[in-house]
Protein backbone atom coordinates (compact mmCIF):
# COMPACT_ATOMS: atom_id res chain seq x y z
CA UNK A 1 -10.45 -7.01 16.22
CA UNK A 2 -12.92 -4.96 18.23
CA UNK A 3 -10.76 -5.34 21.35
CA UNK A 4 -7.46 -4.41 19.70
CA UNK A 5 -6.10 -1.15 21.10
CA UNK A 6 -3.80 1.27 19.29
CA UNK A 7 -2.61 4.81 19.65
CA UNK A 8 -2.64 7.42 16.90
CA UNK A 9 0.62 8.28 15.23
CA UNK A 10 2.21 11.49 16.46
CA UNK A 11 3.09 13.95 13.71
CA UNK A 12 6.71 15.03 13.47
CA UNK A 13 8.23 17.68 11.25
CA UNK A 14 10.71 15.23 9.74
CA UNK A 15 8.25 12.38 9.07
CA UNK A 16 7.24 11.13 5.66
CA UNK A 17 4.01 12.56 4.34
CA UNK A 18 2.09 11.48 1.25
CA UNK A 19 2.91 13.37 -1.92
CA UNK A 20 0.82 16.39 -2.84
CA UNK A 21 -1.32 16.29 -5.98
CA UNK A 22 1.48 18.02 -7.89
CA UNK A 23 4.12 15.63 -6.52
CA UNK A 24 2.09 12.56 -7.58
CA UNK A 25 2.47 13.73 -11.17
CA UNK A 26 6.24 13.76 -10.92
CA UNK A 27 6.23 10.32 -9.27
CA UNK A 28 4.63 8.78 -12.35
CA UNK A 29 8.17 8.81 -13.68
CA UNK A 30 9.83 6.64 -12.43
CA UNK A 31 7.41 4.57 -10.31
CA UNK A 32 4.41 4.12 -12.61
CA UNK A 33 6.73 3.60 -15.55
CA UNK A 34 8.46 0.88 -13.50
CA UNK A 35 5.09 -0.81 -12.96
CA UNK A 36 4.39 -0.72 -16.70
CA UNK A 37 7.85 -2.11 -17.53
CA UNK A 38 7.48 -4.82 -14.88
CA UNK A 39 4.12 -5.81 -16.33
CA UNK A 40 5.60 -5.96 -19.83
CA UNK A 41 8.58 -7.95 -18.54
CA UNK A 42 6.31 -10.61 -17.06
CA UNK A 43 4.85 -11.21 -20.50
CA UNK A 44 8.27 -11.96 -22.04
CA UNK A 45 9.99 -15.32 -22.28
CA UNK A 46 13.46 -15.80 -20.89
CA UNK A 47 14.78 -15.88 -24.45
CA UNK A 48 13.12 -12.56 -25.26
CA UNK A 49 14.62 -11.02 -22.15
CA UNK A 50 18.08 -12.33 -23.07
CA UNK A 51 17.69 -10.71 -26.50
CA UNK A 52 16.65 -7.45 -24.85
CA UNK A 53 19.69 -7.64 -22.59
CA UNK A 54 21.96 -8.11 -25.58
CA UNK A 55 20.31 -5.19 -27.38
CA UNK A 56 20.21 -2.77 -24.43
CA UNK A 57 23.49 -3.69 -22.79
CA UNK A 58 24.37 -4.55 -19.24
CA UNK A 59 24.45 -1.02 -17.84
CA UNK A 60 20.94 -0.19 -19.07
CA UNK A 61 19.60 -3.42 -17.62
CA UNK A 62 21.33 -2.81 -14.30
CA UNK A 63 19.67 0.63 -14.21
CA UNK A 64 16.32 -1.02 -14.93
CA UNK A 65 16.87 -3.59 -12.18
CA UNK A 66 17.83 -0.84 -9.74
CA UNK A 67 14.83 1.34 -10.57
CA UNK A 68 12.48 -1.63 -10.39
CA UNK A 69 13.80 -2.42 -6.90
CA UNK A 70 13.48 1.21 -5.75
CA UNK A 71 9.92 1.34 -7.02
CA UNK A 72 9.12 -1.99 -5.35
CA UNK A 73 10.40 -0.60 -2.04
CA UNK A 74 8.44 2.63 -2.53
CA UNK A 75 5.21 0.77 -3.26
CA UNK A 76 5.83 -1.59 -0.32
CA UNK A 77 5.87 1.42 2.00
CA UNK A 78 2.54 2.58 0.55
CA UNK A 79 1.15 -0.95 0.88
CA UNK A 80 2.12 -1.05 4.56
CA UNK A 81 0.55 2.35 5.15
CA UNK A 82 -2.70 1.31 3.49
CA UNK A 83 -2.83 -2.08 5.24
CA UNK A 84 -2.27 -0.43 8.63
CA UNK A 85 -5.06 2.07 8.01
CA UNK A 86 -7.35 -0.73 6.83
CA UNK A 87 -6.69 -2.68 10.04
CA UNK A 88 -7.42 0.32 12.25
CA UNK A 89 -10.65 1.04 10.39
CA UNK A 90 -11.70 -2.60 10.77
CA UNK A 91 -10.94 -2.44 14.52
CA UNK A 92 -13.08 0.67 14.87
CA UNK A 93 -15.87 -0.92 12.83
CA UNK A 94 -15.74 -4.06 14.97
CA UNK A 95 -15.91 -2.01 18.17
CA UNK A 96 -18.76 0.09 16.79
CA UNK A 97 -20.72 -3.03 15.81
CA UNK A 98 -20.07 -4.58 19.22
CA UNK A 99 -21.48 -1.47 20.87
CA UNK A 100 -24.52 -1.57 18.60
CA UNK A 101 -25.05 -5.25 19.36
CA UNK A 102 -24.77 -4.50 23.09
CA UNK A 103 -27.36 -1.73 22.84
CA UNK A 104 -29.58 -3.96 20.74
CA UNK A 105 -29.30 -6.77 23.28
CA UNK A 106 -30.07 -4.47 26.23
CA UNK A 107 -33.03 -2.88 24.50
CA UNK A 108 -34.71 -6.20 23.69
CA UNK A 109 -33.82 -7.94 26.93
CA UNK A 110 -35.24 -5.13 29.13
CA UNK A 111 -38.54 -6.37 30.62
CA UNK A 112 -39.82 -2.78 30.84
CA UNK A 113 -39.80 -2.38 27.03
């Protein structure tokens, strides 16, 4: 990874930027609620989910499916952002360690030391 090259992103006025502290609060609904509902859903049997569908009705469930998908897409974008930053940091760390190893090697292989 130490030899991997990359260029920094260029900032553009129209590009996506992370939410502000205030905006994160408003994103709790719907995205964090979707996470909670998804977690609860995974703990239900198929029969329990069929009963919920009968109780809530098709339109409410279609809304839930749609919101779950939108939240999944939203979190996927954040996941990609974080994974890309992690990779770049690892590349920089690898290059930094390679430099340190090179200096270490030169210092101890110099006969004048």
